[in-house]
Amino acid sequence: MSLRNEYPATVCEILDDKMKFRPAALTAVRRFARCHPWLGSTAERRLKFERLLDDLSNVYGIPRPRLVIDGLDGSDSSRSCYLPSLHTIILRGFSVVTLLHEFCHARGMGEYDAVAYSVNLYRRIWPRLFARCQHQGHLLRSPSHYCPVEQLAKPRLASVNAGDSAHLRP
């Protein structure tokens, strides 16, 4: 684990098909995916994020960070942060990649490794959603930034025309 505090220049720079994750971490994030973290009331979604933090903290043997969720008005999650002195993650909105990224800081990772871990883990668990994300420097912009969450939650539909895109289920 590196403490490199510079961000990668691009998302492509850190993509790694061979990145290793603890099997229990993969299990925890897959369980989180099955609970549809993008669906539900604010309280239900918060509980799903809290459970993921519980599970990942157990996997990595660290005290569970406190989670503060703010900016539920659709604001940019890039303003999220980890406060080491308070062992607290401040999450601006419900962003899975950002939660994973900030959890990496709670584990002691620097920016470069936190981006690499969070993006590659997201890509491993949600490959279709990852493929729809836009890359802006080291940031992934989820489809919800340009597609309403309600559309993401619809089951996969057959295309009417060959050129139509199907909706993907998270």
N, C-alpha and C. Protein backbone atom coordinates (compact mmCIF):
# COMPACT_ATOMS: atom_id res chain seq x y z
N MET A 1 0.85 -1.17 0.00
CA MET A 1 0.00 0.00 0.00
C MET A 1 0.89 1.23 0.00
N SER A 2 0.56 2.13 -0.89
CA SER A 2 1.35 3.34 -1.06
C SER A 2 0.62 4.53 -0.44
N LEU A 3 1.39 5.49 -0.01
CA LEU A 3 0.81 6.73 0.50
C LEU A 3 0.90 7.85 -0.53
N ARG A 4 1.02 7.48 -1.82
CA ARG A 4 1.10 8.48 -2.88
C ARG A 4 -0.13 9.38 -2.79
N ASN A 5 0.10 10.66 -2.63
CA ASN A 5 -1.01 11.58 -2.47
C ASN A 5 -1.38 12.34 -3.72
N GLU A 6 -0.74 12.01 -4.84
CA GLU A 6 -1.19 12.63 -6.08
C GLU A 6 -2.26 11.75 -6.71
N TYR A 7 -3.18 12.38 -7.39
CA TYR A 7 -4.21 11.64 -8.10
C TYR A 7 -3.64 11.13 -9.42
N PRO A 8 -4.15 10.01 -9.93
CA PRO A 8 -3.75 9.61 -11.27
C PRO A 8 -4.26 10.65 -12.27
N ALA A 9 -3.59 10.77 -13.39
CA ALA A 9 -4.01 11.76 -14.40
C ALA A 9 -5.33 11.36 -15.04
N THR A 10 -5.54 10.06 -15.23
CA THR A 10 -6.76 9.58 -15.88
C THR A 10 -7.24 8.31 -15.19
N VAL A 11 -8.48 7.97 -15.43
CA VAL A 11 -9.02 6.70 -14.95
C VAL A 11 -8.29 5.55 -15.63
N CYS A 12 -8.04 5.68 -16.93
CA CYS A 12 -7.39 4.59 -17.68
C CYS A 12 -6.02 4.24 -17.10
N GLU A 13 -5.35 5.21 -16.51
CA GLU A 13 -4.03 4.98 -15.92
C GLU A 13 -4.04 3.94 -14.81
N ILE A 14 -5.16 3.82 -14.11
CA ILE A 14 -5.20 2.93 -12.94
C ILE A 14 -6.01 1.65 -13.17
N LEU A 15 -6.59 1.50 -14.36
CA LEU A 15 -7.38 0.29 -14.60
C LEU A 15 -6.46 -0.93 -14.60
N ASP A 16 -6.88 -1.95 -13.87
CA ASP A 16 -6.04 -3.13 -13.70
C ASP A 16 -6.92 -4.37 -13.57
N ASP A 17 -7.01 -5.14 -14.65
CA ASP A 17 -7.84 -6.35 -14.65
C ASP A 17 -7.34 -7.39 -13.66
N LYS A 18 -6.09 -7.28 -13.24
CA LYS A 18 -5.50 -8.28 -12.34
C LYS A 18 -5.43 -7.81 -10.90
N MET A 19 -6.03 -6.65 -10.59
CA MET A 19 -5.98 -6.17 -9.22
C MET A 19 -6.62 -7.19 -8.29
N LYS A 20 -5.97 -7.44 -7.19
CA LYS A 20 -6.43 -8.41 -6.21
C LYS A 20 -7.25 -7.72 -5.12
N PHE A 21 -8.33 -8.37 -4.75
CA PHE A 21 -9.18 -7.93 -3.65
C PHE A 21 -9.36 -9.11 -2.71
N ARG A 22 -9.50 -8.83 -1.45
CA ARG A 22 -9.78 -9.91 -0.52
C ARG A 22 -11.12 -10.54 -0.90
N PRO A 23 -11.18 -11.87 -0.89
CA PRO A 23 -12.46 -12.53 -1.24
C PRO A 23 -13.62 -12.04 -0.38
N ALA A 24 -13.39 -11.81 0.90
CA ALA A 24 -14.47 -11.34 1.78
C ALA A 24 -14.91 -9.92 1.40
N ALA A 25 -14.00 -9.10 0.88
CA ALA A 25 -14.37 -7.76 0.42
C ALA A 25 -15.26 -7.87 -0.82
N LEU A 26 -14.89 -8.75 -1.73
CA LEU A 26 -15.73 -8.96 -2.92
C LEU A 26 -17.12 -9.46 -2.52
N THR A 27 -17.16 -10.37 -1.57
CA THR A 27 -18.45 -10.88 -1.08
C THR A 27 -19.28 -9.75 -0.48
N ALA A 28 -18.66 -8.90 0.31
CA ALA A 28 -19.38 -7.78 0.94
C ALA A 28 -19.93 -6.82 -0.10
N VAL A 29 -19.14 -6.49 -1.10
CA VAL A 29 -19.60 -5.53 -2.10
C VAL A 29 -20.64 -6.17 -3.02
N ARG A 30 -20.52 -7.45 -3.30
CA ARG A 30 -21.55 -8.14 -4.08
C ARG A 30 -22.89 -8.17 -3.32
N ARG A 31 -22.82 -8.40 -2.01
CA ARG A 31 -24.03 -8.37 -1.19
C ARG A 31 -24.66 -6.98 -1.23
N PHE A 32 -23.82 -5.97 -1.13
CA PHE A 32 -24.27 -4.57 -1.24
C PHE A 32 -24.94 -4.34 -2.59
N ALA A 33 -24.34 -4.85 -3.67
CA ALA A 33 -24.91 -4.67 -5.01
C ALA A 33 -26.29 -5.32 -5.11
N ARG A 34 -26.43 -6.50 -4.50
CA ARG A 34 -27.72 -7.20 -4.56
C ARG A 34 -28.83 -6.46 -3.83
N CYS A 35 -28.47 -5.58 -2.90
CA CYS A 35 -29.50 -4.82 -2.17
C CYS A 35 -29.89 -3.54 -2.91
N HIS A 36 -29.35 -3.35 -4.11
CA HIS A 36 -29.69 -2.20 -4.96
C HIS A 36 -29.48 -0.86 -4.23
N PRO A 37 -28.22 -0.48 -4.05
CA PRO A 37 -27.91 0.71 -3.26
C PRO A 37 -28.47 2.01 -3.82
N TRP A 38 -28.90 2.02 -5.07
CA TRP A 38 -29.43 3.24 -5.67
C TRP A 38 -30.93 3.39 -5.45
N LEU A 39 -31.55 2.38 -4.86
CA LEU A 39 -33.00 2.38 -4.68
C LEU A 39 -33.37 2.52 -3.21
N GLY A 40 -34.55 3.08 -2.97
CA GLY A 40 -35.07 3.19 -1.62
C GLY A 40 -35.09 4.62 -1.13
N SER A 41 -35.67 4.77 0.04
CA SER A 41 -35.71 6.10 0.67
C SER A 41 -34.30 6.48 1.10
N THR A 42 -34.14 7.72 1.48
CA THR A 42 -32.85 8.19 1.99
C THR A 42 -32.41 7.34 3.17
N ALA A 43 -33.31 7.05 4.08
CA ALA A 43 -32.97 6.24 5.27
C ALA A 43 -32.57 4.82 4.87
N GLU A 44 -33.29 4.24 3.91
CA GLU A 44 -32.96 2.88 3.46
C GLU A 44 -31.61 2.84 2.77
N ARG A 45 -31.34 3.82 1.93
CA ARG A 45 -30.06 3.87 1.23
C ARG A 45 -28.92 4.09 2.22
N ARG A 46 -29.13 4.96 3.18
CA ARG A 46 -28.10 5.20 4.20
C ARG A 46 -27.77 3.91 4.94
N LEU A 47 -28.79 3.15 5.30
CA LEU A 47 -28.59 1.88 6.01
C LEU A 47 -27.77 0.91 5.15
N LYS A 48 -28.02 0.88 3.85
CA LYS A 48 -27.25 0.01 2.95
C LYS A 48 -25.77 0.43 2.94
N PHE A 49 -25.51 1.72 2.88
CA PHE A 49 -24.12 2.22 2.89
C PHE A 49 -23.46 1.93 4.24
N GLU A 50 -24.21 2.08 5.32
CA GLU A 50 -23.68 1.79 6.66
C GLU A 50 -23.31 0.30 6.78
N ARG A 51 -24.17 -0.57 6.24
CA ARG A 51 -23.88 -2.01 6.30
C ARG A 51 -22.63 -2.35 5.51
N LEU A 52 -22.45 -1.71 4.36
CA LEU A 52 -21.23 -1.96 3.59
C LEU A 52 -20.00 -1.54 4.39
N LEU A 53 -20.06 -0.39 5.04
CA LEU A 53 -18.94 0.04 5.89
C LEU A 53 -18.68 -0.96 7.02
N ASP A 54 -19.74 -1.46 7.63
CA ASP A 54 -19.59 -2.49 8.67
C ASP A 54 -18.84 -3.69 8.11
N ASP A 55 -19.31 -4.18 6.98
CA ASP A 55 -18.72 -5.38 6.39
C ASP A 55 -17.27 -5.16 5.99
N LEU A 56 -16.98 -4.06 5.31
CA LEU A 56 -15.61 -3.80 4.86
C LEU A 56 -14.67 -3.56 6.04
N SER A 57 -15.16 -2.90 7.06
CA SER A 57 -14.33 -2.67 8.25
C SER A 57 -13.96 -4.00 8.90
N ASN A 58 -14.91 -4.92 8.97
CA ASN A 58 -14.62 -6.25 9.51
C ASN A 58 -13.61 -6.99 8.63
N VAL A 59 -13.78 -6.90 7.32
CA VAL A 59 -12.87 -7.58 6.40
C VAL A 59 -11.44 -7.09 6.58
N TYR A 60 -11.27 -5.78 6.70
CA TYR A 60 -9.92 -5.20 6.77
C TYR A 60 -9.43 -4.98 8.20
N GLY A 61 -10.24 -5.35 9.19
CA GLY A 61 -9.79 -5.29 10.57
C GLY A 61 -9.52 -3.90 11.09
N ILE A 62 -10.36 -2.95 10.68
CA ILE A 62 -10.21 -1.58 11.18
C ILE A 62 -11.50 -1.19 11.90
N PRO A 63 -11.41 -0.24 12.83
CA PRO A 63 -12.65 0.27 13.43
C PRO A 63 -13.52 0.89 12.33
N ARG A 64 -14.80 0.71 12.45
CA ARG A 64 -15.70 1.23 11.43
C ARG A 64 -15.72 2.76 11.48
N PRO A 65 -15.44 3.40 10.33
CA PRO A 65 -15.50 4.87 10.32
C PRO A 65 -16.94 5.35 10.50
N ARG A 66 -17.08 6.48 11.13
CA ARG A 66 -18.38 7.14 11.23
C ARG A 66 -18.73 7.63 9.84
N LEU A 67 -20.00 7.60 9.47
CA LEU A 67 -20.44 8.05 8.16
C LEU A 67 -21.40 9.22 8.31
N VAL A 68 -21.06 10.33 7.67
CA VAL A 68 -21.93 11.50 7.60
C VAL A 68 -22.29 11.67 6.14
N ILE A 69 -23.59 11.67 5.85
CA ILE A 69 -24.04 11.85 4.46
C ILE A 69 -24.69 13.21 4.36
N ASP A 70 -24.18 13.99 3.42
CA ASP A 70 -24.61 15.37 3.23
C ASP A 70 -24.77 15.59 1.73
N GLY A 71 -25.38 16.67 1.35
CA GLY A 71 -25.48 17.01 -0.06
C GLY A 71 -26.40 16.09 -0.83
N LEU A 72 -27.55 15.79 -0.26
CA LEU A 72 -28.48 14.89 -0.93
C LEU A 72 -29.29 15.60 -2.01
N ASP A 73 -28.87 16.79 -2.34
CA ASP A 73 -29.55 17.57 -3.38
C ASP A 73 -28.97 17.29 -4.76
N GLY A 74 -28.17 16.23 -4.88
CA GLY A 74 -27.56 15.92 -6.17
C GLY A 74 -26.23 16.61 -6.38
N SER A 75 -25.66 17.14 -5.31
CA SER A 75 -24.39 17.85 -5.45
C SER A 75 -23.26 16.88 -5.77
N ASP A 76 -22.15 17.42 -6.16
CA ASP A 76 -21.01 16.67 -6.65
C ASP A 76 -20.33 15.89 -5.52
N SER A 77 -20.19 14.58 -5.69
CA SER A 77 -19.58 13.76 -4.64
C SER A 77 -18.08 13.97 -4.52
N SER A 78 -17.47 14.68 -5.48
CA SER A 78 -16.02 14.90 -5.40
C SER A 78 -15.66 15.80 -4.21
N ARG A 79 -16.63 16.38 -3.56
CA ARG A 79 -16.39 17.20 -2.37
C ARG A 79 -16.42 16.34 -1.10
N SER A 80 -16.54 15.05 -1.24
CA SER A 80 -16.52 14.14 -0.10
C SER A 80 -15.11 14.06 0.46
N CYS A 81 -15.00 13.59 1.70
CA CYS A 81 -13.66 13.50 2.30
C CYS A 81 -13.65 12.53 3.47
N TYR A 82 -12.45 12.17 3.87
CA TYR A 82 -12.22 11.39 5.08
C TYR A 82 -11.46 12.27 6.05
N LEU A 83 -11.94 12.35 7.28
CA LEU A 83 -11.29 13.14 8.32
C LEU A 83 -10.60 12.17 9.29
N PRO A 84 -9.28 11.97 9.14
CA PRO A 84 -8.59 10.97 9.96
C PRO A 84 -8.69 11.24 11.46
N SER A 85 -8.62 12.50 11.87
CA SER A 85 -8.64 12.81 13.30
C SER A 85 -9.97 12.41 13.95
N LEU A 86 -11.03 12.36 13.16
CA LEU A 86 -12.35 11.97 13.66
C LEU A 86 -12.76 10.58 13.18
N HIS A 87 -11.92 9.95 12.36
CA HIS A 87 -12.23 8.66 11.74
C HIS A 87 -13.64 8.70 11.16
N THR A 88 -13.86 9.74 10.33
CA THR A 88 -15.19 10.01 9.79
C THR A 88 -15.12 10.21 8.28
N ILE A 89 -16.04 9.59 7.59
CA ILE A 89 -16.22 9.80 6.15
C ILE A 89 -17.39 10.75 5.99
N ILE A 90 -17.15 11.83 5.27
CA ILE A 90 -18.22 12.75 4.90
C ILE A 90 -18.50 12.51 3.43
N LEU A 91 -19.68 11.99 3.16
CA LEU A 91 -20.07 11.63 1.81
C LEU A 91 -21.08 12.64 1.30
N ARG A 92 -20.77 13.26 0.18
CA ARG A 92 -21.67 14.24 -0.44
C ARG A 92 -22.53 13.49 -1.45
N GLY A 93 -23.70 13.06 -1.02
CA GLY A 93 -24.57 12.26 -1.87
C GLY A 93 -24.26 10.79 -1.71
N PHE A 94 -25.02 9.97 -2.40
CA PHE A 94 -24.86 8.52 -2.32
C PHE A 94 -24.05 8.03 -3.51
N SER A 95 -22.75 8.08 -3.40
CA SER A 95 -21.86 7.60 -4.45
C SER A 95 -21.12 6.37 -3.95
N VAL A 96 -21.30 5.26 -4.66
CA VAL A 96 -20.64 4.01 -4.28
C VAL A 96 -19.14 4.13 -4.44
N VAL A 97 -18.69 4.64 -5.59
CA VAL A 97 -17.25 4.77 -5.83
C VAL A 97 -16.62 5.68 -4.79
N THR A 98 -17.29 6.77 -4.46
CA THR A 98 -16.75 7.70 -3.47
C THR A 98 -16.70 7.07 -2.09
N LEU A 99 -17.71 6.31 -1.71
CA LEU A 99 -17.66 5.62 -0.42
C LEU A 99 -16.47 4.67 -0.38
N LEU A 100 -16.28 3.88 -1.44
CA LEU A 100 -15.13 2.97 -1.49
C LEU A 100 -13.82 3.74 -1.41
N HIS A 101 -13.75 4.87 -2.12
CA HIS A 101 -12.54 5.70 -2.13
C HIS A 101 -12.22 6.23 -0.73
N GLU A 102 -13.21 6.79 -0.08
CA GLU A 102 -12.99 7.36 1.26
C GLU A 102 -12.69 6.26 2.28
N PHE A 103 -13.28 5.09 2.10
CA PHE A 103 -12.96 3.96 2.98
C PHE A 103 -11.48 3.60 2.84
N CYS A 104 -10.95 3.69 1.64
CA CYS A 104 -9.52 3.43 1.43
C CYS A 104 -8.65 4.37 2.26
N HIS A 105 -9.07 5.62 2.37
CA HIS A 105 -8.33 6.55 3.23
C HIS A 105 -8.40 6.12 4.69
N ALA A 106 -9.56 5.61 5.10
CA ALA A 106 -9.69 5.11 6.48
C ALA A 106 -8.75 3.93 6.71
N ARG A 107 -8.43 3.21 5.65
CA ARG A 107 -7.48 2.09 5.74
C ARG A 107 -6.04 2.58 5.67
N GLY A 108 -5.83 3.86 5.37
CA GLY A 108 -4.48 4.40 5.34
C GLY A 108 -3.91 4.60 3.95
N MET A 109 -4.70 4.45 2.93
CA MET A 109 -4.21 4.62 1.56
C MET A 109 -4.13 6.09 1.17
N GLY A 110 -3.18 6.40 0.30
CA GLY A 110 -3.08 7.72 -0.31
C GLY A 110 -4.05 7.83 -1.48
N GLU A 111 -4.07 9.01 -2.12
CA GLU A 111 -5.04 9.27 -3.18
C GLU A 111 -4.92 8.31 -4.37
N TYR A 112 -3.69 8.09 -4.83
CA TYR A 112 -3.49 7.27 -6.03
C TYR A 112 -4.07 5.86 -5.82
N ASP A 113 -3.70 5.23 -4.72
CA ASP A 113 -4.17 3.87 -4.44
C ASP A 113 -5.66 3.84 -4.13
N ALA A 114 -6.18 4.88 -3.49
CA ALA A 114 -7.62 4.93 -3.19
C ALA A 114 -8.43 5.01 -4.48
N VAL A 115 -7.96 5.80 -5.44
CA VAL A 115 -8.64 5.87 -6.74
C VAL A 115 -8.56 4.50 -7.43
N ALA A 116 -7.36 3.92 -7.45
CA ALA A 116 -7.18 2.63 -8.14
C ALA A 116 -8.08 1.56 -7.52
N TYR A 117 -8.09 1.45 -6.20
CA TYR A 117 -8.89 0.43 -5.53
C TYR A 117 -10.38 0.64 -5.79
N SER A 118 -10.87 1.85 -5.55
CA SER A 118 -12.30 2.10 -5.65
C SER A 118 -12.82 1.93 -7.08
N VAL A 119 -12.09 2.43 -8.05
CA VAL A 119 -12.53 2.34 -9.45
C VAL A 119 -12.49 0.89 -9.92
N ASN A 120 -11.42 0.18 -9.62
CA ASN A 120 -11.31 -1.20 -10.07
C ASN A 120 -12.32 -2.12 -9.38
N LEU A 121 -12.59 -1.87 -8.11
CA LEU A 121 -13.59 -2.68 -7.41
C LEU A 121 -14.98 -2.40 -7.98
N TYR A 122 -15.29 -1.14 -8.22
CA TYR A 122 -16.57 -0.78 -8.84
C TYR A 122 -16.70 -1.46 -10.20
N ARG A 123 -15.65 -1.40 -10.99
CA ARG A 123 -15.67 -2.01 -12.33
C ARG A 123 -15.85 -3.52 -12.25
N ARG A 124 -15.25 -4.15 -11.24
CA ARG A 124 -15.38 -5.60 -11.08
C ARG A 124 -16.81 -6.01 -10.75
N ILE A 125 -17.48 -5.24 -9.89
CA ILE A 125 -18.82 -5.60 -9.41
C ILE A 125 -19.91 -5.11 -10.35
N TRP A 126 -19.74 -3.93 -10.94
CA TRP A 126 -20.75 -3.34 -11.82
C TRP A 126 -20.15 -3.05 -13.21
N PRO A 127 -19.73 -4.06 -13.95
CA PRO A 127 -19.04 -3.80 -15.23
C PRO A 127 -19.90 -3.03 -16.24
N ARG A 128 -21.19 -3.31 -16.29
CA ARG A 128 -22.04 -2.60 -17.27
C ARG A 128 -22.21 -1.14 -16.89
N LEU A 129 -22.39 -0.86 -15.62
CA LEU A 129 -22.50 0.55 -15.21
C LEU A 129 -21.17 1.26 -15.39
N PHE A 130 -20.07 0.58 -15.07
CA PHE A 130 -18.76 1.19 -15.29
C PHE A 130 -18.59 1.58 -16.76
N ALA A 131 -19.00 0.72 -17.66
CA ALA A 131 -18.86 0.98 -19.09
C ALA A 131 -19.64 2.21 -19.52
N ARG A 132 -20.69 2.55 -18.78
CA ARG A 132 -21.50 3.73 -19.10
C ARG A 132 -20.99 5.01 -18.45
N CYS A 133 -20.05 4.88 -17.55
CA CYS A 133 -19.53 6.06 -16.86
C CYS A 133 -18.67 6.91 -17.79
N GLN A 134 -18.67 8.19 -17.53
CA GLN A 134 -17.78 9.10 -18.23
C GLN A 134 -16.53 9.30 -17.37
N HIS A 135 -15.40 9.44 -18.02
CA HIS A 135 -14.14 9.69 -17.31
C HIS A 135 -13.82 11.17 -17.44
N GLN A 136 -13.54 11.79 -16.31
CA GLN A 136 -13.10 13.19 -16.29
C GLN A 136 -11.85 13.24 -15.43
N GLY A 137 -10.69 13.18 -16.08
CA GLY A 137 -9.44 13.09 -15.33
C GLY A 137 -9.43 11.78 -14.57
N HIS A 138 -9.20 11.86 -13.24
CA HIS A 138 -9.20 10.64 -12.42
C HIS A 138 -10.59 10.27 -11.92
N LEU A 139 -11.59 11.08 -12.25
CA LEU A 139 -12.94 10.88 -11.73
C LEU A 139 -13.79 10.04 -12.67
N LEU A 140 -14.64 9.23 -12.08
CA LEU A 140 -15.70 8.54 -12.83
C LEU A 140 -16.98 9.32 -12.59
N ARG A 141 -17.68 9.60 -13.65
CA ARG A 141 -18.99 10.25 -13.51
C ARG A 141 -20.02 9.20 -13.86
N SER A 142 -20.85 8.88 -12.90
CA SER A 142 -21.83 7.81 -13.09
C SER A 142 -22.91 8.24 -14.05
N PRO A 143 -23.61 7.25 -14.62
CA PRO A 143 -24.71 7.57 -15.51
C PRO A 143 -25.77 8.44 -14.85
N SER A 144 -25.90 8.39 -13.53
CA SER A 144 -26.92 9.20 -12.86
C SER A 144 -26.66 10.69 -13.00
N HIS A 145 -25.42 11.08 -13.36
CA HIS A 145 -25.15 12.50 -13.60
C HIS A 145 -25.77 12.97 -14.91
N TYR A 146 -26.09 12.03 -15.80
CA TYR A 146 -26.70 12.41 -17.06
C TYR A 146 -27.90 11.54 -17.39
N CYS A 147 -28.33 10.71 -16.44
CA CYS A 147 -29.48 9.84 -16.61
C CYS A 147 -30.17 9.72 -15.25
N PRO A 148 -31.47 10.02 -15.16
CA PRO A 148 -32.14 9.94 -13.86
C PRO A 148 -32.01 8.56 -13.23
N VAL A 149 -31.86 8.52 -11.91
CA VAL A 149 -31.70 7.27 -11.17
C VAL A 149 -32.88 6.34 -11.46
N GLU A 150 -34.07 6.89 -11.65
CA GLU A 150 -35.23 6.06 -11.91
C GLU A 150 -35.02 5.21 -13.16
N GLN A 151 -34.34 5.74 -14.17
CA GLN A 151 -34.08 4.96 -15.38
C GLN A 151 -33.06 3.87 -15.11
N LEU A 152 -32.09 4.13 -14.26
CA LEU A 152 -31.09 3.12 -13.94
C LEU A 152 -31.73 1.93 -13.22
N ALA A 153 -32.80 2.19 -12.49
CA ALA A 153 -33.41 1.16 -11.69
C ALA A 153 -34.33 0.25 -12.48
N LYS A 154 -34.68 0.61 -13.71
CA LYS A 154 -35.57 -0.21 -14.51
C LYS A 154 -34.86 -1.49 -14.94
N PRO A 155 -35.62 -2.57 -15.06
CA PRO A 155 -35.00 -3.80 -15.55
C PRO A 155 -34.57 -3.61 -17.01
N ARG A 156 -33.67 -4.45 -17.44
CA ARG A 156 -33.16 -4.39 -18.80
C ARG A 156 -34.31 -4.60 -19.77
N LEU A 157 -34.45 -3.72 -20.75
CA LEU A 157 -35.51 -3.81 -21.73
C LEU A 157 -34.93 -4.14 -23.09
N ALA A 158 -35.70 -4.85 -23.89
CA ALA A 158 -35.24 -5.14 -25.25
C ALA A 158 -35.33 -3.85 -26.06
N SER A 159 -34.39 -3.66 -26.95
CA SER A 159 -34.39 -2.48 -27.80
C SER A 159 -35.46 -2.60 -28.87
N VAL A 160 -36.12 -1.50 -29.14
CA VAL A 160 -37.13 -1.47 -30.19
C VAL A 160 -36.43 -1.40 -31.54
N ASN A 161 -35.46 -0.52 -31.66
CA ASN A 161 -34.67 -0.39 -32.87
C ASN A 161 -33.24 -0.81 -32.58
N ALA A 162 -32.54 -1.20 -33.58
CA ALA A 162 -31.16 -1.64 -33.40
C ALA A 162 -30.31 -0.55 -32.76
N GLY A 163 -30.60 0.71 -33.02
CA GLY A 163 -29.80 1.81 -32.50
C GLY A 163 -30.18 2.24 -31.10
N ASP A 164 -31.31 1.75 -30.58
CA ASP A 164 -31.73 2.13 -29.22
C ASP A 164 -30.86 1.44 -28.19
N SER A 165 -30.64 2.10 -27.09
CA SER A 165 -29.88 1.45 -26.01
C SER A 165 -30.85 0.94 -24.97
N ALA A 166 -30.52 -0.17 -24.40
CA ALA A 166 -31.35 -0.76 -23.35
C ALA A 166 -31.00 -0.12 -22.02
N HIS A 167 -31.98 -0.05 -21.14
CA HIS A 167 -31.71 0.43 -19.79
C HIS A 167 -31.03 -0.69 -19.02
N LEU A 168 -30.08 -0.33 -18.21
CA LEU A 168 -29.34 -1.33 -17.44
C LEU A 168 -29.78 -1.29 -16.00
N ARG A 169 -29.84 -2.42 -15.40
CA ARG A 169 -30.15 -2.52 -13.98
C ARG A 169 -28.85 -2.42 -13.22
N PRO A 170 -28.80 -1.59 -12.16
CA PRO A 170 -27.56 -1.48 -11.39
C PRO A 170 -27.20 -2.78 -10.71
